[in-house]
Amino acid sequence: MNLTTHRLDAGNMGISYIVIDDFYDDPYVVRNAGLHTDYTRVVDGTYFPGDNSTDAFEVEGLNELVSGLLHEPVTGTPKTSHCNFRIATAGAESRASLRIHVDGANHWAGIVYLTLPEHCRGGTEFYRHKELGTDHAPLYNSDVAQYGDKTCALFTQELIERDSNDPSKWEHLFTIPMRFNRCVLFRPWFWHTPGESFGDRGENARMVQMFFFSSDKSKLRGPDSPPP
């Protein structure tokens, strides 16, 4: 396992994203499990591009491993797609309702790229909202007080529904490149997209395993509301 930690100077946000290469000892076993499980076919207008596996692929010791990397205790967020696979073939973006988004009320999001090296392209893209001038959604209700009687969650939802698919509203900041068996952990309130979908079947498409973590001790759980 090769670990690279990137720390952004963003007030009290601390560690913002972590890249771990060679994440699984035997990634082909995990990939094979993902290729031979059942998937729920998405309908047009679904929030995300691609199809999610029906069942999660539980990883023994994952909570402990990630807690050590993040220096805070985390557990998989229930009632999410934590540890599920996602496969997105070419054209999947056209069936999704939103492009740039955030990942709900979690404290950390993550993916493991399971696309084979010869098919890898693109990566996870991060953006700044031009009007707000921020690279992340508001964290507290007080952050949006100037916009009226709205919670930060409602403000974020309305902004995404309005601006998500309008490229003129966003500035691309950077992309974390796709690499086979690379795990990317990041704060889920950063504006981001999954990047390009490609291929015509699971064997050559964008394939990832998804992680979502929560922490009762997160320094970023504000007094007004949890992150959106």
Protein backbone atom coordinates (compact mmCIF):
# COMPACT_ATOMS: atom_id res chain seq x y z
CA MET A 1 0.00 0.00 0.00
CA ASN A 2 1.43 3.36 -1.05
CA LEU A 3 -0.04 6.38 0.72
CA THR A 4 -0.06 9.99 -0.41
CA THR A 5 -1.78 12.54 1.80
CA HIS A 6 -2.65 15.98 0.45
CA ARG A 7 -3.45 18.65 3.01
CA LEU A 8 -5.23 21.79 1.85
CA ASP A 9 -5.06 25.05 3.78
CA ALA A 10 -8.80 25.53 4.25
CA GLY A 11 -9.30 26.80 7.78
CA ASN A 12 -10.24 23.99 10.11
CA MET A 13 -10.85 21.52 7.30
CA GLY A 14 -7.49 19.78 7.80
CA ILE A 15 -6.97 16.73 5.60
CA SER A 16 -9.16 17.03 2.54
CA TYR A 17 -8.27 14.06 0.39
CA ILE A 18 -6.01 11.04 0.54
CA VAL A 19 -4.76 8.84 -2.30
CA ILE A 20 -3.73 5.26 -1.53
CA ASP A 21 -2.23 3.19 -4.33
CA ASP A 22 -2.11 -0.63 -4.28
CA PHE A 23 -5.05 -0.57 -1.87
CA TYR A 24 -6.04 -4.24 -2.06
CA ASP A 25 -3.51 -7.05 -1.74
CA ASP A 26 -5.38 -8.92 -4.48
CA PRO A 27 -7.54 -6.43 -6.38
CA TYR A 28 -8.42 -8.99 -9.05
CA VAL A 29 -10.42 -10.97 -6.49
CA VAL A 30 -12.42 -7.84 -5.64
CA ARG A 31 -12.83 -6.91 -9.30
CA ASN A 32 -13.99 -10.43 -10.14
CA ALA A 33 -16.57 -10.25 -7.35
CA GLY A 34 -17.83 -7.00 -8.82
CA LEU A 35 -18.09 -8.45 -12.30
CA HIS A 36 -20.10 -11.46 -11.14
CA THR A 37 -22.62 -9.84 -8.82
CA ASP A 38 -26.10 -8.53 -9.64
CA TYR A 39 -26.70 -4.91 -10.59
CA THR A 40 -29.73 -2.67 -10.43
CA ARG A 41 -30.26 -1.07 -13.82
CA VAL A 42 -30.76 2.65 -13.36
CA VAL A 43 -33.52 4.57 -15.07
CA ASP A 44 -33.12 7.87 -16.89
CA GLY A 45 -32.90 10.79 -14.50
CA THR A 46 -31.10 8.93 -11.74
CA TYR A 47 -28.74 11.13 -9.74
CA PHE A 48 -25.56 9.24 -10.65
CA PRO A 49 -24.21 7.75 -13.91
CA GLY A 50 -23.97 3.97 -14.00
CA ASP A 51 -25.44 0.91 -12.32
CA ASN A 52 -24.95 -0.01 -8.65
CA SER A 53 -24.47 -3.56 -7.43
CA THR A 54 -27.45 -4.94 -5.55
CA ASP A 55 -25.29 -6.07 -2.63
CA ALA A 56 -22.27 -4.63 -0.85
CA PHE A 57 -18.87 -6.35 -0.84
CA GLU A 58 -17.85 -6.10 2.80
CA VAL A 59 -14.16 -5.54 3.50
CA GLU A 60 -12.82 -6.99 6.73
CA GLY A 61 -10.96 -4.42 8.82
CA LEU A 62 -11.92 -1.50 6.55
CA ASN A 63 -13.19 0.76 9.34
CA GLU A 64 -10.00 0.26 11.34
CA LEU A 65 -7.75 0.80 8.32
CA VAL A 66 -9.45 4.01 7.22
CA SER A 67 -9.69 5.30 10.80
CA GLY A 68 -5.92 4.95 11.05
CA LEU A 69 -5.35 6.77 7.77
CA LEU A 70 -7.65 9.63 8.74
CA HIS A 71 -6.58 9.87 12.39
CA GLU A 72 -10.23 9.80 13.47
CA PRO A 73 -12.61 6.91 14.20
CA VAL A 74 -15.00 6.26 11.32
CA THR A 75 -17.57 3.63 10.43
CA GLY A 76 -19.38 2.86 7.22
CA THR A 77 -22.46 5.05 6.84
CA PRO A 78 -25.64 2.92 6.96
CA LYS A 79 -28.32 3.14 4.28
CA THR A 80 -25.83 4.29 1.66
CA SER A 81 -23.99 2.52 -1.17
CA HIS A 82 -21.06 1.84 1.16
CA CYS A 83 -18.92 -1.01 -0.25
CA ASN A 84 -21.17 -1.42 -3.31
CA PHE A 85 -19.76 -1.58 -6.81
CA ARG A 86 -20.68 0.76 -9.65
CA ILE A 87 -20.18 0.19 -13.37
CA ALA A 88 -20.63 3.08 -15.80
CA THR A 89 -20.40 2.40 -19.52
CA ALA A 90 -20.18 4.99 -22.30
CA GLY A 91 -23.19 7.29 -22.37
CA ALA A 92 -24.10 6.77 -18.72
CA GLU A 93 -23.75 10.50 -18.06
CA SER A 94 -26.60 11.25 -20.46
CA ARG A 95 -28.94 9.16 -18.30
CA ALA A 96 -27.96 10.90 -15.06
CA SER A 97 -29.90 13.93 -13.86
CA LEU A 98 -27.01 15.78 -12.23
CA ARG A 99 -23.32 16.21 -12.96
CA ILE A 100 -21.45 18.22 -10.33
CA HIS A 101 -22.66 17.26 -6.86
CA VAL A 102 -21.80 16.47 -3.24
CA ASP A 103 -22.20 13.14 -1.45
CA GLY A 104 -24.77 13.72 1.26
CA ALA A 105 -24.51 13.62 5.03
CA ASN A 106 -21.24 11.71 5.37
CA HIS A 107 -17.88 12.82 6.72
CA TRP A 108 -15.78 10.96 4.15
CA ALA A 109 -16.44 9.50 0.72
CA GLY A 110 -14.17 7.22 -1.23
CA ILE A 111 -13.76 4.96 -4.22
CA VAL A 112 -11.41 2.21 -5.30
CA TYR A 113 -10.79 2.16 -9.04
CA LEU A 114 -11.18 -1.40 -10.38
CA THR A 115 -10.87 -0.64 -14.10
CA LEU A 116 -7.92 -2.51 -15.60
CA PRO A 117 -4.84 -0.39 -16.43
CA GLU A 118 -5.30 -0.63 -20.19
CA HIS A 119 -8.79 0.86 -19.94
CA CYS A 120 -8.20 3.58 -17.34
CA ARG A 121 -8.99 7.15 -18.35
CA GLY A 122 -10.04 10.36 -16.64
CA GLY A 123 -10.63 10.37 -12.89
CA THR A 124 -12.52 12.14 -10.13
CA GLU A 125 -12.93 15.83 -10.98
CA PHE A 126 -13.15 18.67 -8.46
CA TYR A 127 -14.62 22.14 -9.06
CA ARG A 128 -15.11 25.63 -7.68
CA HIS A 129 -18.51 27.32 -7.91
CA LYS A 130 -17.77 30.66 -9.55
CA GLU A 131 -20.53 32.70 -7.93
CA LEU A 132 -19.89 31.42 -4.41
CA GLY A 133 -16.13 31.28 -4.88
CA THR A 134 -15.94 28.03 -2.92
CA ASP A 135 -14.74 24.51 -3.69
CA HIS A 136 -17.21 22.97 -1.27
CA ALA A 137 -20.82 23.18 -0.16
CA PRO A 138 -21.66 25.23 2.96
CA LEU A 139 -21.15 23.25 6.17
CA TYR A 140 -23.32 25.19 8.62
CA ASN A 141 -26.64 26.99 8.47
CA SER A 142 -24.84 30.18 9.47
CA ASP A 143 -22.86 29.95 6.21
CA VAL A 144 -26.03 30.65 4.21
CA ALA A 145 -27.80 33.08 6.55
CA GLN A 146 -27.38 35.89 4.02
CA TYR A 147 -29.50 33.94 1.51
CA GLY A 148 -32.63 33.86 3.67
CA ASP A 149 -34.27 31.32 5.91
CA LYS A 150 -32.64 28.19 4.50
CA THR A 151 -30.64 25.34 5.95
CA CYS A 152 -27.27 24.65 4.38
CA ALA A 153 -28.66 21.32 3.13
CA LEU A 154 -31.59 22.99 1.35
CA PHE A 155 -29.35 25.72 -0.07
CA THR A 156 -26.97 23.09 -1.44
CA GLN A 157 -29.79 21.03 -2.93
CA GLU A 158 -31.25 24.03 -4.73
CA LEU A 159 -27.85 25.15 -6.01
CA ILE A 160 -27.04 21.71 -7.39
CA GLU A 161 -30.43 21.36 -9.07
CA ARG A 162 -29.95 24.79 -10.67
CA ASP A 163 -26.26 24.78 -11.61
CA SER A 164 -25.04 21.18 -11.68
CA ASN A 165 -25.26 20.74 -15.45
CA ASP A 166 -24.24 24.28 -16.45
CA PRO A 167 -20.47 24.35 -17.19
CA SER A 168 -20.44 28.16 -17.15
CA LYS A 169 -21.12 28.11 -13.40
CA TRP A 170 -18.02 26.11 -12.52
CA GLU A 171 -14.23 26.25 -12.65
CA HIS A 172 -12.42 22.94 -12.93
CA LEU A 173 -9.72 22.79 -10.25
CA PHE A 174 -8.05 19.40 -10.63
CA THR A 175 -8.59 15.73 -11.40
CA ILE A 176 -7.33 12.79 -9.34
CA PRO A 177 -6.41 10.36 -12.14
CA MET A 178 -7.91 6.90 -12.38
CA ARG A 179 -5.47 4.09 -11.66
CA PHE A 180 -6.21 0.42 -11.10
CA ASN A 181 -6.40 -0.44 -7.37
CA ARG A 182 -6.12 3.22 -6.35
CA CYS A 183 -8.29 4.32 -3.42
CA VAL A 184 -9.29 7.97 -3.21
CA LEU A 185 -10.77 9.28 0.05
CA PHE A 186 -12.12 12.82 0.13
CA ARG A 187 -14.46 15.12 1.98
CA PRO A 188 -17.87 14.53 0.39
CA TRP A 189 -18.93 18.17 0.49
CA PHE A 190 -16.39 19.13 -2.18
CA TRP A 191 -18.04 19.89 -5.51
CA HIS A 192 -17.08 16.96 -7.74
CA THR A 193 -18.00 14.59 -10.55
CA PRO A 194 -17.03 10.94 -11.14
CA GLY A 195 -15.47 11.88 -14.45
CA GLU A 196 -15.87 10.12 -17.76
CA SER A 197 -17.89 6.94 -18.29
CA PHE A 198 -16.63 4.59 -21.00
CA GLY A 199 -16.61 1.07 -22.40
CA ASP A 200 -19.48 -1.15 -23.50
CA ARG A 201 -19.48 -3.78 -20.73
CA GLY A 202 -18.21 -4.30 -17.20
CA GLU A 203 -14.90 -5.72 -18.35
CA ASN A 204 -13.80 -2.46 -20.02
CA ALA A 205 -16.01 0.16 -18.34
CA ARG A 206 -15.47 2.55 -15.46
CA MET A 207 -15.70 0.27 -12.43
CA VAL A 208 -15.35 1.37 -8.82
CA GLN A 209 -16.14 0.26 -5.31
CA MET A 210 -17.67 3.04 -3.24
CA PHE A 211 -17.08 3.98 0.40
CA PHE A 212 -19.02 6.34 2.67
CA PHE A 213 -17.90 6.95 6.26
CA SER A 214 -19.28 8.84 9.24
CA SER A 215 -17.60 9.94 12.46
CA ASP A 216 -19.22 10.97 15.73
CA LYS A 217 -16.02 12.80 16.63
CA SER A 218 -15.53 14.75 13.44
CA LYS A 219 -14.30 18.28 14.01
CA LEU A 220 -16.47 19.32 11.09
CA ARG A 221 -19.82 18.41 12.63
CA GLY A 222 -21.07 21.92 13.19
CA PRO A 223 -23.49 23.30 15.77
CA ASP A 224 -26.14 24.15 13.19
CA SER A 225 -26.36 21.02 11.08
CA PRO A 226 -24.23 18.19 9.72
CA PRO A 227 -22.56 18.57 6.35
CA PRO A 228 -25.04 18.30 3.45
